[in-house]
Amino acid sequence: LTAYTPWRFFNNKIVRALTRDDANTVWAGT
């Protein structure tokens, strides 16, 4: 918890929700 990496595709998108499905895919509600 000392550094972070921005995920470029999501720049300027408001990320409101994060979840993980049964296949371990992370989903972002924006």
PDB file of all heavy atoms in Angstrom:
ATOM      1  N   LEU A   1       0.817  -1.212   0.000  1.00  0.00           N
ATOM      2  CA  LEU A   1       0.000   0.000   0.000  1.00  0.00           C
ATOM      3  C   LEU A   1       0.854   1.267   0.000  1.00  0.00           C
ATOM      4  O   LEU A   1       0.544   2.254   0.676  1.00  0.00           O
ATOM      5  CB  LEU A   1      -0.979   0.000   1.181  1.00  0.00           C
ATOM      6  CG  LEU A   1      -1.849  -1.244   1.327  1.00  0.00           C
ATOM      7  CD1 LEU A   1      -2.762  -1.117   2.527  1.00  0.00           C
ATOM      8  CD2 LEU A   1      -2.640  -1.521   0.067  1.00  0.00           C
ATOM      9  N   THR A   2       1.926   1.241  -0.777  1.00  0.00           N
ATOM     10  CA  THR A   2       2.828   2.389  -0.844  1.00  0.00           C
ATOM     11  C   THR A   2       2.846   3.063  -2.217  1.00  0.00           C
ATOM     12  O   THR A   2       3.411   4.138  -2.358  1.00  0.00           O
ATOM     13  CB  THR A   2       4.270   1.966  -0.510  1.00  0.00           C
ATOM     14  OG1 THR A   2       4.662   0.930  -1.418  1.00  0.00           O
ATOM     15  CG2 THR A   2       4.372   1.472   0.925  1.00  0.00           C
ATOM     16  N   ALA A   3       2.250   2.427  -3.232  1.00  0.00           N
ATOM     17  CA  ALA A   3       2.251   3.004  -4.577  1.00  0.00           C
ATOM     18  C   ALA A   3       1.002   2.531  -5.320  1.00  0.00           C
ATOM     19  O   ALA A   3       0.404   1.520  -4.965  1.00  0.00           O
ATOM     20  CB  ALA A   3       3.502   2.577  -5.346  1.00  0.00           C
ATOM     21  N   TYR A   4       0.635   3.265  -6.354  1.00  0.00           N
ATOM     22  CA  TYR A   4      -0.534   2.874  -7.146  1.00  0.00           C
ATOM     23  C   TYR A   4      -0.257   3.067  -8.633  1.00  0.00           C
ATOM     24  O   TYR A   4       0.606   3.843  -9.020  1.00  0.00           O
ATOM     25  CB  TYR A   4      -1.775   3.660  -6.725  1.00  0.00           C
ATOM     26  CG  TYR A   4      -1.673   5.143  -6.982  1.00  0.00           C
ATOM     27  CD1 TYR A   4      -2.066   5.687  -8.202  1.00  0.00           C
ATOM     28  CD2 TYR A   4      -1.184   6.003  -6.003  1.00  0.00           C
ATOM     29  CE1 TYR A   4      -1.973   7.042  -8.445  1.00  0.00           C
ATOM     30  CE2 TYR A   4      -1.082   7.355  -6.236  1.00  0.00           C
ATOM     31  CZ  TYR A   4      -1.486   7.876  -7.455  1.00  0.00           C
ATOM     32  OH  TYR A   4      -1.388   9.218  -7.694  1.00  0.00           O
ATOM     33  N   THR A   5      -1.019   2.338  -9.444  1.00  0.00           N
ATOM     34  CA  THR A   5      -0.931   2.431 -10.896  1.00  0.00           C
ATOM     35  C   THR A   5      -2.305   2.790 -11.432  1.00  0.00           C
ATOM     36  O   THR A   5      -3.274   2.076 -11.174  1.00  0.00           O
ATOM     37  CB  THR A   5      -0.498   1.076 -11.512  1.00  0.00           C
ATOM     38  OG1 THR A   5       0.745   0.688 -10.940  1.00  0.00           O
ATOM     39  CG2 THR A   5      -0.376   1.169 -13.022  1.00  0.00           C
ATOM     40  N   PRO A   6      -2.408   3.902 -12.179  1.00  0.00           N
ATOM     41  CA  PRO A   6      -3.701   4.218 -12.791  1.00  0.00           C
ATOM     42  C   PRO A   6      -3.941   3.324 -14.004  1.00  0.00           C
ATOM     43  O   PRO A   6      -3.015   3.029 -14.753  1.00  0.00           O
ATOM     44  CB  PRO A   6      -3.547   5.682 -13.211  1.00  0.00           C
ATOM     45  CG  PRO A   6      -2.087   5.920 -13.310  1.00  0.00           C
ATOM     46  CD  PRO A   6      -1.406   4.930 -12.409  1.00  0.00           C
ATOM     47  N   TRP A   7      -5.169   2.856 -14.188  1.00  0.00           N
ATOM     48  CA  TRP A   7      -5.544   2.059 -15.358  1.00  0.00           C
ATOM     49  C   TRP A   7      -6.027   3.049 -16.409  1.00  0.00           C
ATOM     50  O   TRP A   7      -7.092   3.635 -16.290  1.00  0.00           O
ATOM     51  CB  TRP A   7      -6.622   1.051 -14.967  1.00  0.00           C
ATOM     52  CG  TRP A   7      -6.164  -0.365 -14.994  1.00  0.00           C
ATOM     53  CD1 TRP A   7      -6.763  -1.380 -15.691  1.00  0.00           C
ATOM     54  CD2 TRP A   7      -5.051  -0.957 -14.353  1.00  0.00           C
ATOM     55  NE1 TRP A   7      -6.080  -2.548 -15.508  1.00  0.00           N
ATOM     56  CE2 TRP A   7      -5.005  -2.316 -14.682  1.00  0.00           C
ATOM     57  CE3 TRP A   7      -4.041  -0.469 -13.530  1.00  0.00           C
ATOM     58  CZ2 TRP A   7      -4.029  -3.182 -14.228  1.00  0.00           C
ATOM     59  CZ3 TRP A   7      -3.070  -1.334 -13.068  1.00  0.00           C
ATOM     60  CH2 TRP A   7      -3.070  -2.664 -13.417  1.00  0.00           C
ATOM     61  N   ARG A   8      -5.210   3.263 -17.446  1.00  0.00           N
ATOM     62  CA  ARG A   8      -5.410   4.352 -18.411  1.00  0.00           C
ATOM     63  C   ARG A   8      -6.788   4.392 -19.052  1.00  0.00           C
ATOM     64  O   ARG A   8      -7.338   5.459 -19.276  1.00  0.00           O
ATOM     65  CB  ARG A   8      -4.347   4.297 -19.499  1.00  0.00           C
ATOM     66  CG  ARG A   8      -2.984   4.657 -18.990  1.00  0.00           C
ATOM     67  CD  ARG A   8      -1.970   4.617 -20.118  1.00  0.00           C
ATOM     68  NE  ARG A   8      -0.645   4.776 -19.605  1.00  0.00           N
ATOM     69  CZ  ARG A   8       0.034   5.911 -19.645  1.00  0.00           C
ATOM     70  NH1 ARG A   8      -0.506   6.969 -20.183  1.00  0.00           N
ATOM     71  NH2 ARG A   8       1.241   5.966 -19.162  1.00  0.00           N
ATOM     72  N   PHE A   9      -7.347   3.244 -19.392  1.00  0.00           N
ATOM     73  CA  PHE A   9      -8.651   3.233 -20.047  1.00  0.00           C
ATOM     74  C   PHE A   9      -9.705   3.949 -19.205  1.00  0.00           C
ATOM     75  O   PHE A   9     -10.635   4.558 -19.727  1.00  0.00           O
ATOM     76  CB  PHE A   9      -9.111   1.798 -20.335  1.00  0.00           C
ATOM     77  CG  PHE A   9     -10.523   1.724 -20.836  1.00  0.00           C
ATOM     78  CD1 PHE A   9     -10.813   2.010 -22.161  1.00  0.00           C
ATOM     79  CD2 PHE A   9     -11.568   1.415 -19.976  1.00  0.00           C
ATOM     80  CE1 PHE A   9     -12.125   1.974 -22.621  1.00  0.00           C
ATOM     81  CE2 PHE A   9     -12.871   1.370 -20.425  1.00  0.00           C
ATOM     82  CZ  PHE A   9     -13.154   1.650 -21.747  1.00  0.00           C
ATOM     83  N   PHE A  10      -9.566   3.907 -17.897  1.00  0.00           N
ATOM     84  CA  PHE A  10     -10.570   4.464 -17.000  1.00  0.00           C
ATOM     85  C   PHE A  10     -10.319   5.922 -16.637  1.00  0.00           C
ATOM     86  O   PHE A  10     -11.069   6.501 -15.854  1.00  0.00           O
ATOM     87  CB  PHE A  10     -10.671   3.607 -15.737  1.00  0.00           C
ATOM     88  CG  PHE A  10     -11.208   2.234 -16.016  1.00  0.00           C
ATOM     89  CD1 PHE A  10     -10.341   1.174 -16.246  1.00  0.00           C
ATOM     90  CD2 PHE A  10     -12.569   2.007 -16.088  1.00  0.00           C
ATOM     91  CE1 PHE A  10     -10.829  -0.095 -16.526  1.00  0.00           C
ATOM     92  CE2 PHE A  10     -13.073   0.739 -16.372  1.00  0.00           C
ATOM     93  CZ  PHE A  10     -12.201  -0.310 -16.597  1.00  0.00           C
ATOM     94  N   ASN A  11      -9.270   6.547 -17.211  1.00  0.00           N
ATOM     95  CA  ASN A  11      -9.021   7.968 -16.965  1.00  0.00           C
ATOM     96  C   ASN A  11     -10.264   8.773 -17.314  1.00  0.00           C
ATOM     97  O   ASN A  11     -10.896   8.547 -18.353  1.00  0.00           O
ATOM     98  CB  ASN A  11      -7.851   8.481 -17.801  1.00  0.00           C
ATOM     99  CG  ASN A  11      -6.513   8.020 -17.276  1.00  0.00           C
ATOM    100  OD1 ASN A  11      -6.421   7.401 -16.224  1.00  0.00           O
ATOM    101  ND2 ASN A  11      -5.465   8.307 -18.012  1.00  0.00           N
ATOM    102  N   ASN A  12     -10.612   9.709 -16.462  1.00  0.00           N
ATOM    103  CA  ASN A  12     -11.754  10.611 -16.651  1.00  0.00           C
ATOM    104  C   ASN A  12     -13.105   9.909 -16.612  1.00  0.00           C
ATOM    105  O   ASN A  12     -14.100  10.494 -17.022  1.00  0.00           O
ATOM    106  CB  ASN A  12     -11.602  11.427 -17.934  1.00  0.00           C
ATOM    107  CG  ASN A  12     -10.358  12.266 -17.903  1.00  0.00           C
ATOM    108  OD1 ASN A  12     -10.058  12.888 -16.891  1.00  0.00           O
ATOM    109  ND2 ASN A  12      -9.606  12.272 -18.987  1.00  0.00           N
ATOM    110  N   LYS A  13     -13.144   8.659 -16.174  1.00  0.00           N
ATOM    111  CA  LYS A  13     -14.406   7.974 -15.934  1.00  0.00           C
ATOM    112  C   LYS A  13     -14.600   7.899 -14.417  1.00  0.00           C
ATOM    113  O   LYS A  13     -13.658   7.623 -13.684  1.00  0.00           O
ATOM    114  CB  LYS A  13     -14.385   6.557 -16.521  1.00  0.00           C
ATOM    115  CG  LYS A  13     -14.384   6.513 -18.035  1.00  0.00           C
ATOM    116  CD  LYS A  13     -14.276   5.078 -18.512  1.00  0.00           C
ATOM    117  CE  LYS A  13     -14.287   4.970 -20.006  1.00  0.00           C
ATOM    118  NZ  LYS A  13     -13.209   5.649 -20.696  1.00  0.00           N
ATOM    119  N   ILE A  14     -15.797   8.147 -13.971  1.00  0.00           N
ATOM    120  CA  ILE A  14     -16.088   8.013 -12.542  1.00  0.00           C
ATOM    121  C   ILE A  14     -16.344   6.530 -12.271  1.00  0.00           C
ATOM    122  O   ILE A  14     -17.273   5.952 -12.826  1.00  0.00           O
ATOM    123  CB  ILE A  14     -17.315   8.856 -12.147  1.00  0.00           C
ATOM    124  CG1 ILE A  14     -17.055  10.330 -12.444  1.00  0.00           C
ATOM    125  CG2 ILE A  14     -17.643   8.644 -10.668  1.00  0.00           C
ATOM    126  CD1 ILE A  14     -18.288  11.204 -12.313  1.00  0.00           C
ATOM    127  N   VAL A  15     -15.509   5.916 -11.454  1.00  0.00           N
ATOM    128  CA  VAL A  15     -15.666   4.497 -11.112  1.00  0.00           C
ATOM    129  C   VAL A  15     -16.442   4.424  -9.801  1.00  0.00           C
ATOM    130  O   VAL A  15     -15.942   4.804  -8.749  1.00  0.00           O
ATOM    131  CB  VAL A  15     -14.311   3.781 -11.006  1.00  0.00           C
ATOM    132  CG1 VAL A  15     -14.499   2.331 -10.592  1.00  0.00           C
ATOM    133  CG2 VAL A  15     -13.575   3.866 -12.340  1.00  0.00           C
ATOM    134  N   ARG A  16     -17.683   3.922  -9.897  1.00  0.00           N
ATOM    135  CA  ARG A  16     -18.576   3.902  -8.735  1.00  0.00           C
ATOM    136  C   ARG A  16     -18.670   2.546  -8.058  1.00  0.00           C
ATOM    137  O   ARG A  16     -19.011   2.465  -6.888  1.00  0.00           O
ATOM    138  CB  ARG A  16     -19.970   4.331  -9.176  1.00  0.00           C
ATOM    139  CG  ARG A  16     -20.046   5.776  -9.565  1.00  0.00           C
ATOM    140  CD  ARG A  16     -21.491   6.231  -9.647  1.00  0.00           C
ATOM    141  NE  ARG A  16     -21.555   7.662  -9.780  1.00  0.00           N
ATOM    142  CZ  ARG A  16     -21.660   8.284 -10.945  1.00  0.00           C
ATOM    143  NH1 ARG A  16     -21.705   7.601 -12.051  1.00  0.00           N
ATOM    144  NH2 ARG A  16     -21.726   9.596 -10.991  1.00  0.00           N
ATOM    145  N   ALA A  17     -18.428   1.475  -8.806  1.00  0.00           N
ATOM    146  CA  ALA A  17     -18.602   0.142  -8.231  1.00  0.00           C
ATOM    147  C   ALA A  17     -17.531  -0.804  -8.760  1.00  0.00           C
ATOM    148  O   ALA A  17     -17.136  -0.718  -9.919  1.00  0.00           O
ATOM    149  CB  ALA A  17     -19.983  -0.403  -8.590  1.00  0.00           C
ATOM    150  N   LEU A  18     -17.067  -1.692  -7.895  1.00  0.00           N
ATOM    151  CA  LEU A  18     -16.092  -2.726  -8.264  1.00  0.00           C
ATOM    152  C   LEU A  18     -16.572  -4.057  -7.710  1.00  0.00           C
ATOM    153  O   LEU A  18     -17.035  -4.134  -6.565  1.00  0.00           O
ATOM    154  CB  LEU A  18     -14.718  -2.408  -7.674  1.00  0.00           C
ATOM    155  CG  LEU A  18     -14.021  -1.168  -8.216  1.00  0.00           C
ATOM    156  CD1 LEU A  18     -12.830  -0.808  -7.342  1.00  0.00           C
ATOM    157  CD2 LEU A  18     -13.573  -1.409  -9.648  1.00  0.00           C
ATOM    158  N   THR A  19     -16.459  -5.103  -8.517  1.00  0.00           N
ATOM    159  CA  THR A  19     -16.825  -6.436  -8.059  1.00  0.00           C
ATOM    160  C   THR A  19     -15.993  -7.468  -8.814  1.00  0.00           C
ATOM    161  O   THR A  19     -15.339  -7.148  -9.801  1.00  0.00           O
ATOM    162  CB  THR A  19     -18.339  -6.698  -8.239  1.00  0.00           C
ATOM    163  OG1 THR A  19     -18.682  -7.885  -7.515  1.00  0.00           O
ATOM    164  CG2 THR A  19     -18.710  -6.845  -9.698  1.00  0.00           C
ATOM    165  N   ARG A  20     -16.029  -8.695  -8.343  1.00  0.00           N
ATOM    166  CA  ARG A  20     -15.313  -9.804  -8.973  1.00  0.00           C
ATOM    167  C   ARG A  20     -16.322 -10.922  -9.211  1.00  0.00           C
ATOM    168  O   ARG A  20     -17.124 -11.243  -8.334  1.00  0.00           O
ATOM    169  CB  ARG A  20     -14.195 -10.284  -8.054  1.00  0.00           C
ATOM    170  CG  ARG A  20     -13.367 -11.396  -8.626  1.00  0.00           C
ATOM    171  CD  ARG A  20     -12.209 -11.792  -7.707  1.00  0.00           C
ATOM    172  NE  ARG A  20     -11.159 -10.794  -7.770  1.00  0.00           N
ATOM    173  CZ  ARG A  20     -10.847  -9.951  -6.792  1.00  0.00           C
ATOM    174  NH1 ARG A  20     -11.496  -9.968  -5.657  1.00  0.00           N
ATOM    175  NH2 ARG A  20      -9.885  -9.073  -6.937  1.00  0.00           N
ATOM    176  N   ASP A  21     -16.286 -11.532 -10.408  1.00  0.00           N
ATOM    177  CA  ASP A  21     -17.222 -12.620 -10.694  1.00  0.00           C
ATOM    178  C   ASP A  21     -16.596 -13.976 -10.390  1.00  0.00           C
ATOM    179  O   ASP A  21     -15.459 -14.059  -9.907  1.00  0.00           O
ATOM    180  CB  ASP A  21     -17.745 -12.531 -12.136  1.00  0.00           C
ATOM    181  CG  ASP A  21     -16.675 -12.741 -13.193  1.00  0.00           C
ATOM    182  OD1 ASP A  21     -15.588 -13.279 -12.891  1.00  0.00           O
ATOM    183  OD2 ASP A  21     -16.933 -12.374 -14.355  1.00  0.00           O
ATOM    184  N   ASP A  22     -17.339 -15.044 -10.673  1.00  0.00           N
ATOM    185  CA  ASP A  22     -16.874 -16.407 -10.376  1.00  0.00           C
ATOM    186  C   ASP A  22     -15.625 -16.795 -11.158  1.00  0.00           C
ATOM    187  O   ASP A  22     -14.885 -17.684 -10.747  1.00  0.00           O
ATOM    188  CB  ASP A  22     -17.981 -17.420 -10.662  1.00  0.00           C
ATOM    189  CG  ASP A  22     -19.143 -17.282  -9.702  1.00  0.00           C
ATOM    190  OD1 ASP A  22     -18.964 -16.687  -8.616  1.00  0.00           O
ATOM    191  OD2 ASP A  22     -20.246 -17.757 -10.034  1.00  0.00           O
ATOM    192  N   ALA A  23     -15.392 -16.143 -12.298  1.00  0.00           N
ATOM    193  CA  ALA A  23     -14.209 -16.431 -13.116  1.00  0.00           C
ATOM    194  C   ALA A  23     -13.014 -15.568 -12.696  1.00  0.00           C
ATOM    195  O   ALA A  23     -11.984 -15.568 -13.357  1.00  0.00           O
ATOM    196  CB  ALA A  23     -14.520 -16.202 -14.594  1.00  0.00           C
ATOM    197  N   ASN A  24     -13.154 -14.820 -11.599  1.00  0.00           N
ATOM    198  CA  ASN A  24     -12.119 -13.950 -11.047  1.00  0.00           C
ATOM    199  C   ASN A  24     -11.866 -12.702 -11.900  1.00  0.00           C
ATOM    200  O   ASN A  24     -10.840 -12.064 -11.778  1.00  0.00           O
ATOM    201  CB  ASN A  24     -10.812 -14.711 -10.799  1.00  0.00           C
ATOM    202  CG  ASN A  24     -10.031 -14.091  -9.660  1.00  0.00           C
ATOM    203  OD1 ASN A  24     -10.615 -13.543  -8.730  1.00  0.00           O
ATOM    204  ND2 ASN A  24      -8.719 -14.158  -9.739  1.00  0.00           N
ATOM    205  N   THR A  25     -12.810 -12.352 -12.759  1.00  0.00           N
ATOM    206  CA  THR A  25     -12.723 -11.121 -13.535  1.00  0.00           C
ATOM    207  C   THR A  25     -13.198  -9.967 -12.664  1.00  0.00           C
ATOM    208  O   THR A  25     -14.231 -10.057 -12.012  1.00  0.00           O
ATOM    209  CB  THR A  25     -13.612 -11.197 -14.797  1.00  0.00           C
ATOM    210  OG1 THR A  25     -13.182 -12.297 -15.579  1.00  0.00           O
ATOM    211  CG2 THR A  25     -13.546  -9.924 -15.611  1.00  0.00           C
ATOM    212  N   VAL A  26     -12.426  -8.880 -12.657  1.00  0.00           N
ATOM    213  CA  VAL A  26     -12.825  -7.680 -11.932  1.00  0.00           C
ATOM    214  C   VAL A  26     -13.642  -6.816 -12.890  1.00  0.00           C
ATOM    215  O   VAL A  26     -13.266  -6.621 -14.047  1.00  0.00           O
ATOM    216  CB  VAL A  26     -11.591  -6.902 -11.415  1.00  0.00           C
ATOM    217  CG1 VAL A  26     -11.997  -5.585 -10.792  1.00  0.00           C
ATOM    218  CG2 VAL A  26     -10.812  -7.757 -10.416  1.00  0.00           C
ATOM    219  N   TRP A  27     -14.778  -6.306 -12.412  1.00  0.00           N
ATOM    220  CA  TRP A  27     -15.682  -5.470 -13.190  1.00  0.00           C
ATOM    221  C   TRP A  27     -15.779  -4.096 -12.552  1.00  0.00           C
ATOM    222  O   TRP A  27     -15.833  -3.976 -11.330  1.00  0.00           O
ATOM    223  CB  TRP A  27     -17.070  -6.087 -13.244  1.00  0.00           C
ATOM    224  CG  TRP A  27     -17.108  -7.347 -14.041  1.00  0.00           C
ATOM    225  CD1 TRP A  27     -16.819  -8.609 -13.608  1.00  0.00           C
ATOM    226  CD2 TRP A  27     -17.419  -7.469 -15.420  1.00  0.00           C
ATOM    227  NE1 TRP A  27     -16.942  -9.502 -14.635  1.00  0.00           N
ATOM    228  CE2 TRP A  27     -17.320  -8.838 -15.759  1.00  0.00           C
ATOM    229  CE3 TRP A  27     -17.792  -6.554 -16.408  1.00  0.00           C
ATOM    230  CZ2 TRP A  27     -17.569  -9.301 -17.037  1.00  0.00           C
ATOM    231  CZ3 TRP A  27     -18.046  -7.024 -17.681  1.00  0.00           C
ATOM    232  CH2 TRP A  27     -17.931  -8.386 -17.986  1.00  0.00           C
ATOM    233  N   ALA A  28     -15.790  -3.055 -13.403  1.00  0.00           N
ATOM    234  CA  ALA A  28     -15.922  -1.681 -12.927  1.00  0.00           C
ATOM    235  C   ALA A  28     -17.194  -1.063 -13.478  1.00  0.00           C
ATOM    236  O   ALA A  28     -17.404  -1.027 -14.687  1.00  0.00           O
ATOM    237  CB  ALA A  28     -14.710  -0.861 -13.355  1.00  0.00           C
ATOM    238  N   GLY A  29     -18.058  -0.596 -12.580  1.00  0.00           N
ATOM    239  CA  GLY A  29     -19.232   0.171 -12.961  1.00  0.00           C
ATOM    240  C   GLY A  29     -18.842   1.637 -12.986  1.00  0.00           C
ATOM    241  O   GLY A  29     -18.372   2.174 -11.987  1.00  0.00           O
ATOM    242  N   THR A  30     -19.005   2.281 -14.141  1.00  0.00           N
ATOM    243  CA  THR A  30     -18.509   3.639 -14.322  1.00  0.00           C
ATOM    244  C   THR A  30     -19.600   4.593 -14.792  1.00  0.00           C
ATOM    245  O   THR A  30     -20.739   4.193 -15.024  1.00  0.00           O
ATOM    246  CB  THR A  30     -17.371   3.671 -15.377  1.00  0.00           C
ATOM    247  OG1 THR A  30     -17.939   3.562 -16.680  1.00  0.00           O
ATOM    248  CG2 THR A  30     -16.351   2.569 -15.151  1.00  0.00           C
TER     249      THR A  30
END
